[in-house]
Each structure stands twice: as structure tokens, then as C-alpha cells.
Protein backbone atom coordinates (compact mmCIF):
# COMPACT_ATOMS: atom_id res chain seq x y z
CA MET A 1 1.58 -16.57 4.60
CA LYS A 2 3.65 -14.01 2.78
CA LEU A 3 2.51 -13.90 -0.83
CA LEU A 4 4.33 -11.96 -3.52
CA ARG A 5 4.77 -11.41 -7.22
CA TYR A 6 8.17 -11.43 -8.88
CA GLY A 7 9.70 -10.89 -12.29
CA PRO A 8 9.80 -8.17 -14.96
CA LYS A 9 7.11 -5.51 -14.97
CA GLY A 10 3.96 -6.85 -16.59
CA GLN A 11 5.28 -10.42 -16.48
CA GLU A 12 5.19 -11.07 -12.74
CA LYS A 13 4.73 -14.61 -11.46
CA PRO A 14 3.06 -15.55 -8.17
CA GLY A 15 5.26 -16.62 -5.29
CA ILE A 16 5.31 -17.37 -1.61
CA LEU A 17 8.02 -16.79 0.99
CA ASP A 18 9.08 -19.89 2.92
CA ALA A 19 10.19 -19.98 6.55
CA GLN A 20 13.81 -19.32 5.55
CA GLY A 21 12.93 -16.26 3.46
CA GLN A 22 13.34 -18.12 0.15
CA ILE A 23 10.93 -17.27 -2.65
CA ARG A 24 9.03 -20.31 -3.89
CA ASP A 25 7.28 -20.31 -7.25
CA LEU A 26 3.48 -20.65 -7.18
CA SER A 27 2.88 -20.38 -10.92
CA GLY A 28 2.20 -24.11 -11.18
CA LYS A 29 -0.59 -23.75 -8.63
CA VAL A 30 -2.24 -20.37 -9.29
CA GLN A 31 -2.17 -17.88 -12.13
CA ASP A 32 -1.67 -14.78 -9.98
CA ILE A 33 -2.09 -13.31 -6.49
CA ALA A 34 -5.46 -11.89 -7.50
CA GLY A 35 -9.20 -12.48 -7.65
CA ASP A 36 -10.48 -15.75 -6.20
CA VAL A 37 -7.02 -16.70 -4.97
CA LEU A 38 -7.55 -14.04 -2.28
CA SER A 39 -10.78 -15.61 -1.00
CA PRO A 40 -10.77 -17.73 2.17
CA ALA A 41 -11.08 -20.88 0.05
CA GLY A 42 -8.28 -19.76 -2.26
CA LEU A 43 -5.95 -18.93 0.61
CA ASP A 44 -6.77 -22.23 2.34
CA LYS A 45 -5.65 -24.09 -0.79
CA LEU A 46 -2.31 -22.30 -0.62
CA ARG A 47 -1.96 -23.06 3.10
CA ALA A 48 -2.45 -26.76 2.34
CA LEU A 49 0.55 -26.83 0.01
CA ASP A 50 3.90 -28.26 1.04
CA ILE A 51 5.87 -25.07 0.44
CA ARG A 52 9.18 -26.94 0.56
CA SER A 53 8.13 -28.94 -2.51
CA LEU A 54 7.63 -25.82 -4.61
CA PRO A 55 10.43 -24.70 -6.96
CA ALA A 56 12.88 -22.31 -5.34
CA VAL A 57 13.40 -19.04 -7.24
CA SER A 58 17.09 -18.42 -7.85
CA GLY A 59 18.91 -15.11 -7.75
CA SER A 60 17.39 -11.82 -6.72
CA PRO A 61 14.44 -11.16 -9.03
CA ARG A 62 12.58 -7.89 -9.13
CA ILE A 63 9.70 -7.88 -6.67
CA GLY A 64 6.49 -6.60 -8.20
CA PRO A 65 3.37 -5.17 -6.56
CA CYS A 66 2.06 -7.78 -4.14
CA VAL A 67 -1.47 -7.92 -5.62
CA GLY A 68 -2.25 -8.36 -9.30
CA ARG A 69 -5.16 -7.16 -11.44
CA VAL A 70 -6.27 -4.65 -8.78
CA PRO A 71 -9.81 -3.42 -9.59
CA ASN A 72 -9.68 -0.28 -7.42
CA VAL A 73 -7.19 1.66 -5.31
CA LEU A 74 -9.16 3.37 -2.54
CA CYS A 75 -7.46 5.78 -0.16
CA ILE A 76 -8.31 7.42 3.14
CA GLY A 77 -7.07 10.97 3.71
CA LEU A 78 -6.13 12.73 6.95
CA ASN A 79 -6.63 9.55 9.00
CA TYR A 80 -4.09 10.41 11.72
CA SER A 81 -5.01 13.39 13.89
CA ASP A 82 -1.41 14.59 14.17
CA HIS A 83 -0.99 14.40 10.38
CA ALA A 84 -4.16 16.46 9.89
CA LYS A 85 -2.77 19.00 12.33
CA GLU A 86 0.60 19.29 10.56
CA THR A 87 -1.12 20.02 7.24
CA GLY A 88 -3.44 22.59 8.81
CA ALA A 89 -6.53 20.53 8.06
CA LYS A 90 -9.57 19.94 10.23
CA ILE A 91 -9.80 16.50 11.85
CA PRO A 92 -12.45 14.69 9.81
CA GLY A 93 -15.67 13.40 11.34
CA GLN A 94 -15.96 10.67 8.68
CA PRO A 95 -13.34 8.90 6.54
CA ILE A 96 -12.19 11.08 3.63
CA LEU A 97 -12.16 8.99 0.47
CA PHE A 98 -10.14 9.54 -2.69
CA ASN A 99 -8.78 7.28 -5.41
CA LYS A 100 -5.46 6.53 -6.99
CA HIS A 101 -5.59 5.31 -10.57
CA SER A 102 -4.56 1.66 -10.87
CA SER A 103 -1.84 2.62 -13.39
CA ALA A 104 0.00 4.22 -10.45
CA ILE A 105 0.73 0.78 -8.94
CA SER A 106 4.37 -0.24 -8.91
CA GLY A 107 6.75 -2.60 -7.17
CA PRO A 108 8.14 -1.84 -3.71
CA ASN A 109 11.65 -1.15 -4.95
CA ASP A 110 10.91 0.36 -8.35
CA ASP A 111 12.01 3.92 -9.07
CA VAL A 112 9.51 6.64 -8.26
CA VAL A 113 9.23 9.07 -11.17
CA ILE A 114 8.61 12.75 -10.42
CA PRO A 115 5.80 13.78 -12.80
CA LYS A 116 6.33 16.30 -15.57
CA ASP A 117 5.97 19.86 -14.21
CA SER A 118 5.96 18.63 -10.60
CA VAL A 119 7.47 20.82 -7.89
CA LYS A 120 5.93 19.29 -4.74
CA THR A 121 6.23 15.49 -4.79
CA ASP A 122 5.89 14.02 -1.29
CA TRP A 123 6.12 10.70 0.60
CA GLU A 124 3.50 8.91 2.75
CA ILE A 125 4.06 5.57 4.49
CA GLU A 126 0.76 3.73 4.93
CA LEU A 127 -0.80 0.44 5.98
CA GLY A 128 -2.30 -1.21 2.92
CA VAL A 129 -5.34 -3.50 3.07
CA CYS A 130 -6.41 -6.04 0.44
CA ILE A 131 -10.02 -7.18 0.18
CA GLY A 132 -10.52 -10.94 -0.18
CA THR A 133 -14.29 -11.34 -0.49
CA GLN A 134 -17.00 -9.07 -1.85
CA ALA A 135 -18.29 -6.63 0.75
CA ARG A 136 -21.51 -4.64 0.59
CA HIS A 137 -23.19 -3.02 3.63
CA VAL A 138 -20.89 -4.89 5.99
CA ALA A 139 -21.24 -4.35 9.73
CA GLU A 140 -18.10 -3.13 11.46
CA LYS A 141 -17.98 -6.26 13.62
CA ASP A 142 -17.78 -8.40 10.46
CA ALA A 143 -15.59 -6.15 8.33
CA LEU A 144 -12.23 -7.80 8.98
CA LYS A 145 -13.63 -11.12 7.71
CA HIS A 146 -13.50 -9.55 4.25
CA VAL A 147 -9.78 -8.70 4.47
CA ALA A 148 -7.38 -11.08 2.72
CA GLY A 149 -4.22 -9.43 4.03
CA TYR A 150 -2.07 -6.39 4.66
CA PHE A 151 0.94 -4.79 3.01
CA THR A 152 3.32 -1.85 3.11
CA ALA A 153 2.26 1.06 0.88
CA ASN A 154 3.67 4.43 -0.15
CA ASP A 155 0.99 6.96 -1.09
CA VAL A 156 3.29 9.17 -3.14
CA SER A 157 1.61 12.55 -3.69
CA GLU A 158 2.12 15.68 -5.77
CA ARG A 159 0.89 18.42 -3.43
CA GLN A 160 0.50 21.19 -6.00
CA PHE A 161 -1.62 18.95 -8.22
CA GLN A 162 -3.53 17.68 -5.17
CA ILE A 163 -4.22 20.89 -3.25
CA GLU A 164 -3.56 23.95 -5.40
CA MET A 165 -5.40 22.87 -8.54
CA GLU A 166 -9.18 22.80 -8.62
CA GLY A 167 -11.05 19.52 -8.33
CA GLN A 168 -10.42 16.28 -6.49
CA TRP A 169 -7.20 14.98 -4.95
CA THR A 170 -6.95 12.12 -7.45
CA LYS A 171 -4.83 13.99 -9.98
CA GLY A 172 -2.17 14.61 -7.32
CA LYS A 173 -2.13 10.95 -6.36
CA SER A 174 -2.23 8.97 -9.59
CA ALA A 175 0.97 9.56 -11.53
CA ASP A 176 2.82 6.47 -12.74
CA THR A 177 4.81 4.85 -9.88
CA PHE A 178 2.82 6.73 -7.18
CA ALA A 179 1.51 3.54 -5.51
CA PRO A 180 4.37 1.20 -4.53
CA MET A 181 2.89 -1.94 -2.92
CA GLY A 182 4.65 -4.74 -1.09
CA PRO A 183 7.09 -6.46 -0.91
CA TRP A 184 4.51 -9.05 0.06
CA LEU A 185 0.92 -9.51 1.08
CA VAL A 186 0.78 -10.88 4.62
CA THR A 187 -2.42 -12.84 5.09
CA ALA A 188 -4.79 -11.51 7.75
CA ASP A 189 -4.41 -14.54 10.00
CA GLU A 190 -0.78 -13.55 10.60
CA VAL A 191 -1.56 -9.95 11.59
CA LYS A 192 -2.74 -10.14 15.19
CA ASP A 193 -3.91 -6.53 15.40
CA PRO A 194 -3.82 -4.15 12.42
CA GLN A 195 -4.32 -1.29 14.91
CA ASN A 196 -1.01 -1.95 16.66
CA LEU A 197 1.64 -1.77 13.94
CA LYS A 198 4.64 0.54 13.81
CA LEU A 199 5.30 2.28 10.50
CA TRP A 200 8.16 4.49 9.42
CA CYS A 201 9.72 6.34 6.48
CA LYS A 202 13.25 7.58 5.91
CA VAL A 203 14.37 9.97 3.18
CA ASN A 204 18.09 9.93 2.38
CA GLY A 205 18.70 7.98 5.59
CA LYS A 206 16.87 10.42 7.87
CA PHE A 207 13.73 9.38 9.73
CA MET A 208 10.86 11.58 8.57
CA GLN A 209 7.90 9.49 9.76
CA ASN A 210 7.80 7.22 12.80
CA GLY A 211 4.25 6.36 13.83
CA SER A 212 1.81 3.63 14.77
CA THR A 213 -1.55 2.51 13.46
CA LYS A 214 -2.74 2.92 17.07
CA THR A 215 -3.26 6.61 16.30
CA MET A 216 -5.48 6.13 13.25
CA ILE A 217 -8.72 8.08 13.58
CA PHE A 218 -10.64 5.36 11.74
CA GLY A 219 -9.40 1.78 12.08
CA VAL A 220 -9.41 -0.85 9.35
CA ALA A 221 -12.74 -2.37 10.40
CA THR A 222 -14.39 1.05 10.41
CA ILE A 223 -12.94 1.91 7.00
CA VAL A 224 -14.03 -1.34 5.34
CA SER A 225 -17.53 -1.09 6.82
CA TYR A 226 -17.85 2.59 5.89
CA LEU A 227 -16.71 2.12 2.28
CA SER A 228 -19.03 -0.84 1.82
CA ARG A 229 -21.99 1.49 2.42
CA PHE A 230 -21.24 3.39 -0.77
CA MET A 231 -19.78 0.78 -3.12
CA THR A 232 -19.28 -2.95 -3.46
CA LEU A 233 -15.75 -3.83 -2.43
CA LEU A 234 -14.30 -6.48 -4.73
CA PRO A 235 -11.67 -9.18 -4.25
CA GLY A 236 -8.34 -7.56 -5.02
CA ASP A 237 -9.44 -4.03 -4.18
CA VAL A 238 -6.76 -2.34 -2.10
CA ILE A 239 -7.14 0.39 0.48
CA PHE A 240 -4.41 2.84 1.52
CA THR A 241 -5.44 3.74 5.07
CA GLY A 242 -3.70 7.08 5.71
CA THR A 243 -0.31 8.31 6.88
CA PRO A 244 1.16 9.43 10.22
CA PRO A 245 2.85 12.84 10.62
CA GLY A 246 6.20 13.67 9.06
CA VAL A 247 5.33 14.25 5.42
CA GLY A 248 7.29 16.82 3.46
CA LEU A 249 4.32 19.16 3.23
CA GLY A 250 4.24 19.50 7.01
CA MET A 251 7.93 20.22 7.57
CA LYS A 252 8.74 23.38 9.56
CA PRO A 253 9.81 26.11 9.01
CA SER A 254 9.18 25.24 5.35
CA PRO A 255 8.05 22.17 3.40
CA ILE A 256 10.55 19.72 1.91
CA PHE A 257 9.77 17.89 -1.31
CA LEU A 258 11.41 15.06 -3.22
CA LYS A 259 13.98 15.65 -5.93
CA PRO A 260 15.82 13.36 -8.36
CA GLY A 261 18.44 11.28 -6.56
CA ASP A 262 16.57 11.11 -3.25
CA VAL A 263 16.00 7.67 -1.72
CA MET A 264 12.93 6.67 0.27
CA GLU A 265 12.98 3.71 2.66
CA LEU A 266 9.69 2.66 4.23
CA GLY A 267 8.32 -0.16 6.34
CA VAL A 268 5.39 -1.44 8.37
CA GLU A 269 6.00 -3.77 11.29
CA GLY A 270 5.80 -7.39 10.10
CA LEU A 271 4.84 -6.42 6.55
CA GLY A 272 8.24 -5.79 4.98
CA GLU A 273 10.21 -2.84 3.71
CA GLN A 274 10.44 -0.81 0.53
CA LYS A 275 13.27 1.23 -1.01
CA GLN A 276 12.74 3.61 -3.92
CA LYS A 277 15.07 5.93 -5.78
CA VAL A 278 13.46 9.14 -7.01
CA VAL A 279 14.12 9.91 -10.68
CA ALA A 280 13.20 12.76 -13.00
CA TYR A 281 10.45 12.49 -15.59
CA PRO A 282 12.12 11.35 -18.83
CA GLY A 283 12.56 13.86 -21.60
């Protein structure tokens, strides 16, 4: 299934994509794509529906972030060896964890706002993972059972805030609009192998990133198992799993960063595409 949320910001309704690519309204069946709806039982109830009987959504509504009421946004840094190399970082021996604040979440085609005083805003195409059932001390062999689905994600980053200021990476990752998610959540049963997905990013029509989840240092099962050692993963938690090479920070002979008017286009194989215009901070 391809689950989504549509409508004005803060007023999104749950929806599902039918076989013809038509959005069907789920608001008469579930309150949101969140919480218990993401559990195996919740998803099975949606699978049992006759999608063709659901109301068709007319026009071209705004598509919101594909998961609602997200408890935590967990992120894995430097998870592609060639990306670590381009940034001059050491290849990690364990997953590097940081957080994005949940207020950074935005729709897949919403504008990305360059933060006030930013000079080094960057792009990062990533595979997103959504947890469906609580996970605590989960063995790697069982980890994928706790995944509800996958989505396209853009881990937008302000490199000066992230790297050049003291403290953790979070402040360079959490500005409003810095976590576009979607367009839809593809349930795990429809993703044959999360470690064999192409992912790409274009800026102003030029390919900047063109990679595959095959080259992740730590795969999804490893990440979910590892994180569950240190915290309880909750239904609706999302994980950004790292980016392949081609970010602005790693450009040679000198880095390239986003500016107002730039357009990012991103996609993950089978999970849908995003398109964001970059705009200046207001005022």
C-alpha cells in the first residue's frame, strides 16, 4: 500500500493511492497515518478495504508528510563509505546517531526555507524508515518485523550550524522545513529489499547524487536493532538512514550550497519523488 496525508498544513487527512494513482480518502476509516494504524493489525485493516469504494479526492491537493504525529526523528550520519570520504570523515565503526526536531517535518513538495543567518544549507537524499510496532532490544534477524514502511526523505542540513559550532549536529539539522517526508509511505510488504534501492537528487536540474542503498555501511535491520539497544522505538518514529555521496559540502574544488530560487528534486526507487523550491528566511 501507498499511504499518504493530504490537505493544508496542520489539517492533513489520511489517504491511500489506488492502482491508477488516484488518491482515495481514508478519513472515514482512520483518523491519521499514525500510531496504531501503523501496526500490523492496523495495516491489515486497511488492506481489507475495498479501495475503489473509498471517496476519490478531486484536484491536486497539497501532499503533506506521509506520517503524522511523529514521536521522534532519528538519523544516522556518515552511513555511506563514499559519503564519509567526501566529507573527510572517518568511516564509523558503529552507527552515528543524531536527531532532527519534529518541527522540521514538512511535506515532500513544500518550500525549504534557508534559516536566518545560514550560509551553508545543503541537500541529502535518504531512505526513510517508519517504525510500526514498539521495539526494545530487538535482534537484527527480527528487526524488519518492526518496520511499517519506507519513504523518500531529504535530510536538509546547515553545515556551519552542524559542524563549525560547538555541540551536537542537531542544531544544523532541525530548522523548520528541514525534514521533507513522502510523498507516501510504502508499506514494508511492498519493498522487497530495502538494501537494493536506487536514490538520487538533482539541484536545478543537475544530478548531484546518484546512489544505491546497497552501499550503506549499516543496513536497515542493523540500524533498527542497534537503536533499540539504547531506546524504545515507538510506532510512528521515523529514521533517516544516511545519504550517498554528492552533497554540496563535498563538491570539489569548493563546496556548493543552496540559495533562494534553487530547486531540489529527489527520489528513491519505488517510494516516490519530491520537489522543493528553496526560499529565503522571511524578514
